[in-house]
C-alpha atoms as a PDB file:
ATOM      1  CA  MET A   1      -5.878   7.892  -2.378  1.00  0.00           C
ATOM      2  CA  LEU A   2      -2.368   7.503  -4.339  1.00  0.00           C
ATOM      3  CA  LEU A   3      -0.575   4.237  -3.081  1.00  0.00           C
ATOM      4  CA  VAL A   4       3.305   3.700  -3.485  1.00  0.00           C
ATOM      5  CA  VAL A   5       3.896   0.751  -6.049  1.00  0.00           C
ATOM      6  CA  GLY A   6       7.745   1.332  -6.571  1.00  0.00           C
ATOM      7  CA  ARG A   7      10.487   4.032  -6.771  1.00  0.00           C
ATOM      8  CA  ILE A   8      12.694   4.071  -9.013  1.00  0.00           C
ATOM      9  CA  GLY A   9      16.364   3.339  -8.534  1.00  0.00           C
ATOM     10  CA  ARG A  10      19.446   3.905 -10.326  1.00  0.00           C
ATOM     11  CA  ALA A  11      19.675   3.769 -14.122  1.00  0.00           C
ATOM     12  CA  HIS A  12      20.350   0.235 -15.722  1.00  0.00           C
ATOM     13  CA  GLY A  13      22.772   0.113 -18.865  1.00  0.00           C
ATOM     14  CA  VAL A  14      22.807   2.850 -21.258  1.00  0.00           C
ATOM     15  CA  ARG A  15      19.467   3.025 -23.235  1.00  0.00           C
ATOM     16  CA  GLY A  16      17.249   4.124 -20.497  1.00  0.00           C
ATOM     17  CA  ASP A  17      16.221   1.231 -18.035  1.00  0.00           C
ATOM     18  CA  VAL A  18      15.777   1.987 -14.378  1.00  0.00           C
ATOM     19  CA  ALA A  19      16.214  -0.475 -11.242  1.00  0.00           C
ATOM     20  CA  VAL A  20      12.948  -0.384  -9.670  1.00  0.00           C
ATOM     21  CA  ASP A  21      12.478  -1.124  -5.651  1.00  0.00           C
ATOM     22  CA  VAL A  22       9.108  -2.958  -6.190  1.00  0.00           C
ATOM     23  CA  ARG A  23       6.521  -2.102  -3.227  1.00  0.00           C
ATOM     24  CA  THR A  24       3.372  -3.785  -4.500  1.00  0.00           C
ATOM     25  CA  ASP A  25       2.325  -7.298  -4.014  1.00  0.00           C
ATOM     26  CA  ASP A  26       1.660  -7.664  -8.132  1.00  0.00           C
ATOM     27  CA  PRO A  27       4.522  -6.183  -9.995  1.00  0.00           C
ATOM     28  CA  ALA A  28       3.312  -7.817 -12.990  1.00  0.00           C
ATOM     29  CA  GLN A  29       0.027  -6.137 -13.186  1.00  0.00           C
ATOM     30  CA  ARG A  30       1.459  -2.636 -11.768  1.00  0.00           C
ATOM     31  CA  PHE A  31       4.817  -2.636 -14.469  1.00  0.00           C
ATOM     32  CA  ALA A  32       2.850  -4.199 -17.446  1.00  0.00           C
ATOM     33  CA  VAL A  33       3.270  -2.700 -21.069  1.00  0.00           C
ATOM     34  CA  GLY A  34       1.207  -0.085 -21.487  1.00  0.00           C
ATOM     35  CA  SER A  35       0.644   0.651 -17.842  1.00  0.00           C
ATOM     36  CA  VAL A  36       0.748   4.463 -16.971  1.00  0.00           C
ATOM     37  CA  LEU A  37       2.064   5.276 -13.252  1.00  0.00           C
ATOM     38  CA  THR A  38       1.687   8.992 -11.207  1.00  0.00           C
ATOM     39  CA  THR A  39       4.923  10.446 -10.264  1.00  0.00           C
ATOM     40  CA  ASP A  40       6.333  11.797  -6.946  1.00  0.00           C
ATOM     41  CA  PRO A  41       7.372  14.301  -7.980  1.00  0.00           C
ATOM     42  CA  ALA A  42       4.656  15.318 -10.144  1.00  0.00           C
ATOM     43  CA  ASP A  43       6.488  16.870 -12.781  1.00  0.00           C
ATOM     44  CA  ALA A  44       8.426  13.311 -13.477  1.00  0.00           C
ATOM     45  CA  GLY A  45       5.494  11.916 -15.154  1.00  0.00           C
ATOM     46  CA  PRO A  46       3.148  10.238 -15.533  1.00  0.00           C
ATOM     47  CA  LEU A  47       5.141   7.406 -16.973  1.00  0.00           C
ATOM     48  CA  ARG A  48       4.301   4.814 -19.414  1.00  0.00           C
ATOM     49  CA  VAL A  49       6.089   1.388 -19.079  1.00  0.00           C
ATOM     50  CA  THR A  50       7.523   0.206 -22.318  1.00  0.00           C
ATOM     51  CA  ALA A  51       9.171  -3.056 -21.061  1.00  0.00           C
ATOM     52  CA  SER A  52       9.580  -4.432 -17.979  1.00  0.00           C
ATOM     53  CA  ARG A  53      11.746  -7.672 -16.884  1.00  0.00           C
ATOM     54  CA  ARG A  54      13.805  -9.508 -13.987  1.00  0.00           C
ATOM     55  CA  HIS A  55      17.578  -9.064 -13.914  1.00  0.00           C
ATOM     56  CA  SER A  56      19.256 -10.682 -11.292  1.00  0.00           C
ATOM     57  CA  GLY A  57      16.381 -10.234  -8.834  1.00  0.00           C
ATOM     58  CA  ARG A  58      15.806  -6.833  -9.498  1.00  0.00           C
ATOM     59  CA  LEU A  59      12.835  -5.515 -12.139  1.00  0.00           C
ATOM     60  CA  ILE A  60      14.129  -3.541 -14.722  1.00  0.00           C
ATOM     61  CA  VAL A  61      11.757  -1.440 -16.527  1.00  0.00           C
ATOM     62  CA  ARG A  62      11.699   1.178 -19.767  1.00  0.00           C
ATOM     63  CA  PHE A  63       9.933   4.103 -19.563  1.00  0.00           C
ATOM     64  CA  GLU A  64       8.290   5.654 -22.890  1.00  0.00           C
ATOM     65  CA  GLY A  65      10.646   9.065 -23.426  1.00  0.00           C
ATOM     66  CA  VAL A  66      13.480   7.834 -21.285  1.00  0.00           C
ATOM     67  CA  ALA A  67      15.877   6.871 -24.174  1.00  0.00           C
ATOM     68  CA  ASP A  68      19.628   6.902 -22.229  1.00  0.00           C
ATOM     69  CA  ARG A  69      21.166   6.772 -19.067  1.00  0.00           C
ATOM     70  CA  ASP A  70      21.070  10.397 -18.171  1.00  0.00           C
ATOM     71  CA  ALA A  71      17.621  10.451 -18.597  1.00  0.00           C
ATOM     72  CA  ALA A  72      17.067   7.468 -16.411  1.00  0.00           C
ATOM     73  CA  GLU A  73      19.083   8.883 -13.910  1.00  0.00           C
ATOM     74  CA  GLU A  74      17.332  11.886 -13.278  1.00  0.00           C
ATOM     75  CA  LEU A  75      14.208   9.967 -12.340  1.00  0.00           C
ATOM     76  CA  ARG A  76      16.123   8.166  -9.672  1.00  0.00           C
ATOM     77  CA  GLY A  77      14.141   8.496  -6.239  1.00  0.00           C
ATOM     78  CA  THR A  78      10.939   9.187  -8.155  1.00  0.00           C
ATOM     79  CA  ALA A  79       8.153   7.351  -6.196  1.00  0.00           C
ATOM     80  CA  LEU A  80       5.832   5.465  -8.653  1.00  0.00           C
ATOM     81  CA  LEU A  81       2.108   5.726  -7.901  1.00  0.00           C
ATOM     82  CA  VAL A  82      -1.444   4.156  -8.470  1.00  0.00           C
ATOM     83  CA  ASP A  83      -5.088   5.338  -7.519  1.00  0.00           C
ATOM     84  CA  SER A  84      -6.082   2.728  -4.853  1.00  0.00           C
ATOM     85  CA  ALA A  85      -9.749   2.923  -7.020  1.00  0.00           C
ATOM     86  CA  ASP A  86      -7.874   0.909  -9.732  1.00  0.00           C
ATOM     87  CA  ILE A  87      -6.970  -1.606  -7.334  1.00  0.00           C
ATOM     88  CA  GLY A  88      -9.554  -4.390  -7.119  1.00  0.00           C
ATOM     89  CA  PRO A  89     -10.275  -6.621  -4.092  1.00  0.00           C
ATOM     90  CA  THR A  90      -7.657  -9.469  -2.996  1.00  0.00           C
ATOM     91  CA  GLY A  91     -10.591 -12.342  -4.014  1.00  0.00           C
ATOM     92  CA  ASP A  92      -9.872 -13.846  -0.653  1.00  0.00           C
ATOM     93  CA  PRO A  93     -12.702 -13.065   1.843  1.00  0.00           C
ATOM     94  CA  ASP A  94      -9.630 -13.310   4.376  1.00  0.00           C
ATOM     95  CA  GLU A  95      -7.051 -10.764   3.030  1.00  0.00           C
ATOM     96  CA  PHE A  96      -7.515  -7.168   2.870  1.00  0.00           C
ATOM     97  CA  HIS A  97      -5.052  -4.104   1.088  1.00  0.00           C
ATOM     98  CA  ASP A  98      -4.344  -1.744   3.578  1.00  0.00           C
ATOM     99  CA  HIS A  99      -6.525   0.975   2.081  1.00  0.00           C
ATOM    100  CA  GLU A 100      -9.462  -1.082   2.256  1.00  0.00           C
ATOM    101  CA  LEU A 101      -8.900  -1.212   6.082  1.00  0.00           C
ATOM    102  CA  ILE A 102      -7.646   2.407   6.733  1.00  0.00           C
ATOM    103  CA  GLY A 103     -10.706   4.670   7.598  1.00  0.00           C
ATOM    104  CA  LEU A 104     -13.072   2.023   8.933  1.00  0.00           C
ATOM    105  CA  ALA A 105     -15.258   2.413  12.122  1.00  0.00           C
ATOM    106  CA  VAL A 106     -13.938   0.151  14.910  1.00  0.00           C
ATOM    107  CA  VAL A 107     -16.693  -1.281  17.123  1.00  0.00           C
ATOM    108  CA  THR A 108     -16.607  -4.168  19.570  1.00  0.00           C
ATOM    109  CA  THR A 109     -18.455  -7.010  19.439  1.00  0.00           C
ATOM    110  CA  GLY A 110     -21.268  -5.326  22.379  1.00  0.00           C
ATOM    111  CA  GLY A 111     -21.827  -2.147  19.533  1.00  0.00           C
ATOM    112  CA  GLU A 112     -19.710  -0.115  21.265  1.00  0.00           C
ATOM    113  CA  LEU A 113     -17.677   2.827  19.231  1.00  0.00           C
ATOM    114  CA  VAL A 114     -13.915   2.246  19.969  1.00  0.00           C
ATOM    115  CA  GLY A 115     -12.774   4.587  16.964  1.00  0.00           C
ATOM    116  CA  THR A 116     -11.593   4.723  13.654  1.00  0.00           C
ATOM    117  CA  VAL A 117      -8.358   2.434  11.890  1.00  0.00           C
ATOM    118  CA  GLU A 118      -5.754   5.194  11.010  1.00  0.00           C
ATOM    119  CA  ASP A 119      -2.870   2.590  10.208  1.00  0.00           C
ATOM    120  CA  VAL A 120      -1.752  -1.055   9.669  1.00  0.00           C
ATOM    121  CA  LEU A 121       1.653  -2.097  10.777  1.00  0.00           C
ATOM    122  CA  HIS A 122       3.265  -4.632   9.493  1.00  0.00           C
ATOM    123  CA  HIS A 123       5.675  -5.893  11.779  1.00  0.00           C
ATOM    124  CA  ALA A 124       6.019  -9.837  13.102  1.00  0.00           C
ATOM    125  CA  GLN A 125       2.377  -9.621  13.105  1.00  0.00           C
ATOM    126  CA  ASP A 126      -0.276  -7.270  11.152  1.00  0.00           C
ATOM    127  CA  VAL A 127      -1.618  -4.649  13.967  1.00  0.00           C
ATOM    128  CA  LEU A 128      -4.339  -2.262  13.220  1.00  0.00           C
ATOM    129  CA  VAL A 129      -3.409   1.254  14.441  1.00  0.00           C
ATOM    130  CA  VAL A 130      -6.853   2.745  15.783  1.00  0.00           C
ATOM    131  CA  THR A 131      -7.700   6.106  17.057  1.00  0.00           C
ATOM    132  CA  THR A 132      -9.954   6.676  19.570  1.00  0.00           C
ATOM    133  CA  ASP A 133     -12.761   9.705  19.712  1.00  0.00           C
ATOM    134  CA  GLU A 134     -10.613  10.887  22.595  1.00  0.00           C
ATOM    135  CA  GLY A 135      -7.488  10.800  20.419  1.00  0.00           C
ATOM    136  CA  ARG A 136      -5.886   8.148  22.124  1.00  0.00           C
ATOM    137  CA  GLU A 137      -3.864   5.383  19.914  1.00  0.00           C
ATOM    138  CA  VAL A 138      -4.862   1.623  20.278  1.00  0.00           C
ATOM    139  CA  LEU A 139      -2.872  -0.935  18.801  1.00  0.00           C
ATOM    140  CA  VAL A 140      -4.847  -4.221  17.960  1.00  0.00           C
ATOM    141  CA  PRO A 141      -3.595  -7.016  16.660  1.00  0.00           C
ATOM    142  CA  PHE A 142      -5.171  -8.180  13.172  1.00  0.00           C
ATOM    143  CA  VAL A 143      -5.664 -11.676  13.851  1.00  0.00           C
ATOM    144  CA  SER A 144      -9.519 -13.117  13.629  1.00  0.00           C
ATOM    145  CA  ALA A 145      -9.811 -14.076  16.928  1.00  0.00           C
ATOM    146  CA  LEU A 146      -9.378 -10.421  18.059  1.00  0.00           C
ATOM    147  CA  VAL A 147     -11.033  -8.888  14.528  1.00  0.00           C
ATOM    148  CA  PRO A 148     -14.089 -11.232  13.905  1.00  0.00           C
ATOM    149  CA  GLU A 149     -15.537  -9.274  11.233  1.00  0.00           C
ATOM    150  CA  VAL A 150     -14.631  -6.883   8.419  1.00  0.00           C
ATOM    151  CA  ASP A 151     -17.106  -4.956   6.664  1.00  0.00           C
ATOM    152  CA  VAL A 152     -15.620  -3.064   3.880  1.00  0.00           C
ATOM    153  CA  THR A 153     -18.653  -1.992   2.265  1.00  0.00           C
ATOM    154  CA  GLY A 154     -20.324  -1.082   5.577  1.00  0.00           C
ATOM    155  CA  GLY A 155     -17.311   0.826   6.741  1.00  0.00           C
ATOM    156  CA  ARG A 156     -16.525  -1.226  10.076  1.00  0.00           C
ATOM    157  CA  LEU A 157     -14.500  -3.368  11.401  1.00  0.00           C
ATOM    158  CA  VAL A 158     -15.640  -5.357  14.645  1.00  0.00           C
ATOM    159  CA  VAL A 159     -12.990  -6.184  17.438  1.00  0.00           C
ATOM    160  CA  ASP A 160     -13.724  -8.844  20.424  1.00  0.00           C
ATOM    161  CA  PRO A 161     -10.598  -7.551  22.700  1.00  0.00           C
ATOM    162  CA  PRO A 162      -9.326  -9.206  25.686  1.00  0.00           C
ATOM    163  CA  GLY A 163     -10.132  -7.613  28.823  1.00  0.00           C
ATOM    164  CA  GLY A 164      -7.552  -4.870  28.829  1.00  0.00           C
ATOM    165  CA  LEU A 165      -6.394  -4.296  25.295  1.00  0.00           C
ATOM    166  CA  LEU A 166      -8.549  -0.851  24.869  1.00  0.00           C
ATOM    167  CA  ASP A 167      -7.544   0.466  28.262  1.00  0.00           C
ATOM    168  CA  LEU A 168      -3.380   0.329  27.735  1.00  0.00           C
ATOM    169  CA  ALA A 169      -3.222   3.844  26.995  1.00  0.00           C
ATOM    170  CA  ASP A 170      -4.918   5.223  30.253  1.00  0.00           C
END
């Protein structure tokens, strides 16, 4: 699965640098010198990072082969992607990347199958979007009281819903 880690914005200066709208929690690693990023559209890349730095709160990146402002402007709007297989676990047993949760089977503490995690929403509270076998969509707040167990390697997530939570779509 390809994950967006940034989007190229406007050119910065005349030497081919671009401002990048960062969409990752680890920009230092994703945009380190030598990193190769897949692109969308695909014909814009892949792009190899030759320099990156912070300037006025923005990430400025230079890519191999992008030598002037005109070439940098042609990249504007390009999404920068990495393969989810290249992103390791967080190291914290209570933190997960979205791509680790999407696709997990959701079961209740009693063993009843609820459905599959289809998405993770990040608003005031993280929320799991679970699609049931009947095609209904159920929203489950991603808090330890309601989601006591996440077993990524086992491919399942256990929920302990209060009465009515799973019946709201009825």
